[in-house]
């Protein structure tokens, strides 16, 4: 499951975020504990805890004392909004810049996108 492209705790956080965005984890649903996560993936519990702590700091998960971690209300909307912003900044804006550089009119880009249908 984990690779060498980024620290494991970041990959844990990203996996949980992906599960929330896809709907695999719902709002107020309990997630595995750090110890369960560590045992399942055979990693250090401190590494799992670091990934969970980041999600708590970001408002994606919240703790219920003595019970565990849960998906925060509106976590999916928060993640989707952030990803939409990143999509425009990381994908669309550079595409438009490159299209201008090589002489592709904006209307051709729009027509091409429309030919692929609505997402």
Protein backbone atom coordinates (compact mmCIF):
# COMPACT_ATOMS: atom_id res chain seq x y z
CA UNK A 1 0.00 0.00 0.00
CA UNK A 2 2.75 2.48 0.87
CA UNK A 3 5.50 3.54 -1.49
CA UNK A 4 8.60 5.72 -1.26
CA UNK A 5 7.21 8.85 -2.90
CA UNK A 6 6.31 10.61 0.37
CA UNK A 7 6.46 9.95 4.13
CA UNK A 8 4.14 7.17 5.28
CA UNK A 9 2.20 9.44 7.64
CA UNK A 10 1.32 11.68 4.68
CA UNK A 11 0.23 8.64 2.65
CA UNK A 12 -1.97 7.54 5.57
CA UNK A 13 -3.58 10.98 5.71
CA UNK A 14 -4.06 10.99 1.94
CA UNK A 15 -5.66 7.53 1.96
CA UNK A 16 -8.16 8.58 4.62
CA UNK A 17 -8.90 11.78 2.70
CA UNK A 18 -9.49 9.75 -0.46
CA UNK A 19 -11.85 7.44 1.44
CA UNK A 20 -13.82 10.46 2.66
CA UNK A 21 -14.01 12.08 -0.78
CA UNK A 22 -15.10 8.81 -2.41
CA UNK A 23 -17.75 8.24 0.23
CA UNK A 24 -16.12 5.10 1.64
CA UNK A 25 -16.00 6.98 4.96
CA UNK A 26 -19.04 9.05 5.90
CA UNK A 27 -19.35 12.03 8.21
CA UNK A 28 -19.34 11.05 11.89
CA UNK A 29 -18.18 7.53 10.96
CA UNK A 30 -15.51 6.08 13.22
CA UNK A 31 -12.14 5.35 11.63
CA UNK A 32 -9.70 2.68 12.71
CA UNK A 33 -7.64 3.58 15.76
CA UNK A 34 -3.98 4.38 15.29
CA UNK A 35 -3.08 1.06 16.93
CA UNK A 36 -5.44 -0.89 14.64
CA UNK A 37 -4.10 0.98 11.66
CA UNK A 38 -0.51 0.33 12.69
CA UNK A 39 -1.16 -3.37 13.28
CA UNK A 40 -3.07 -3.81 10.01
CA UNK A 41 -0.41 -2.13 7.87
CA UNK A 42 2.52 -3.24 10.03
CA UNK A 43 3.85 0.22 10.69
CA UNK A 44 4.94 2.08 13.79
CA UNK A 45 1.92 3.35 15.79
CA UNK A 46 3.66 6.74 16.11
CA UNK A 47 3.68 7.02 12.31
CA UNK A 48 -0.04 6.31 12.12
CA UNK A 49 -0.67 8.76 14.97
CA UNK A 50 1.23 11.48 13.10
CA UNK A 51 -1.01 11.01 10.05
CA UNK A 52 -4.14 11.10 12.20
CA UNK A 53 -2.90 14.19 14.08
CA UNK A 54 -2.50 16.04 10.80
CA UNK A 55 -6.09 15.22 9.87
CA UNK A 56 -7.30 16.44 13.26
CA UNK A 57 -5.32 19.67 12.82
CA UNK A 58 -6.86 20.12 9.37
CA UNK A 59 -10.41 19.63 10.72
CA UNK A 60 -10.94 16.38 8.81
CA UNK A 61 -11.14 14.09 11.86
CA UNK A 62 -12.18 14.72 15.43
CA UNK A 63 -11.55 12.82 18.62
CA UNK A 64 -14.11 11.49 21.05
CA UNK A 65 -12.25 10.95 24.27
CA UNK A 66 -12.07 7.29 25.17
CA UNK A 67 -13.90 6.21 22.01
CA UNK A 68 -11.72 7.07 19.02
CA UNK A 69 -11.45 9.17 15.88
CA UNK A 70 -14.37 10.14 13.67
CA UNK A 71 -14.86 11.87 10.34
CA UNK A 72 -15.71 15.52 10.98
CA UNK A 73 -19.00 16.98 9.76
CA UNK A 74 -18.45 18.71 6.41
CA UNK A 75 -15.07 16.98 5.96
CA UNK A 76 -16.06 15.81 2.48
CA UNK A 77 -17.10 19.31 1.41
CA UNK A 78 -13.91 20.76 2.90
CA UNK A 79 -11.75 18.26 1.02
CA UNK A 80 -13.63 18.67 -2.25
CA UNK A 81 -13.35 22.46 -2.06
CA UNK A 82 -9.62 22.23 -1.44
CA UNK A 83 -9.14 19.79 -4.29
CA UNK A 84 -11.15 21.98 -6.66
CA UNK A 85 -8.97 24.95 -5.79
CA UNK A 86 -5.84 22.84 -6.33
CA UNK A 87 -7.24 21.51 -9.59
CA UNK A 88 -7.53 24.99 -11.06
CA UNK A 89 -4.18 26.14 -9.69
CA UNK A 90 -2.23 22.98 -10.54
CA UNK A 91 -3.95 21.76 -13.72
CA UNK A 92 -6.18 24.32 -15.42
CA UNK A 93 -4.04 27.45 -15.02
CA UNK A 94 -0.85 25.78 -16.33
CA UNK A 95 -2.88 24.28 -19.20
CA UNK A 96 -4.21 27.69 -20.19
CA UNK A 97 -0.72 29.17 -19.95
CA UNK A 98 0.68 26.42 -22.19
CA UNK A 99 -2.23 26.73 -24.62
CA UNK A 100 -1.54 30.46 -24.99
CA UNK A 101 2.15 29.75 -25.50
CA UNK A 102 1.49 27.34 -28.35
CA UNK A 103 -1.39 29.28 -29.87
CA UNK A 104 -4.45 27.22 -28.95
CA UNK A 105 -7.52 29.49 -28.62
CA UNK A 106 -9.55 29.18 -25.42
CA UNK A 107 -12.65 28.31 -27.44
CA UNK A 108 -10.83 25.22 -28.82
CA UNK A 109 -9.97 24.11 -25.31
CA UNK A 110 -13.58 24.55 -24.18
CA UNK A 111 -14.83 22.64 -27.24
CA UNK A 112 -12.37 19.82 -26.55
CA UNK A 113 -13.43 19.58 -22.90
CA UNK A 114 -17.11 19.58 -23.87
CA UNK A 115 -16.50 16.78 -26.37
CA UNK A 116 -15.55 14.59 -23.40
CA UNK A 117 -18.89 15.27 -21.69
CA UNK A 118 -19.73 16.45 -18.23
CA UNK A 119 -17.87 14.89 -15.35
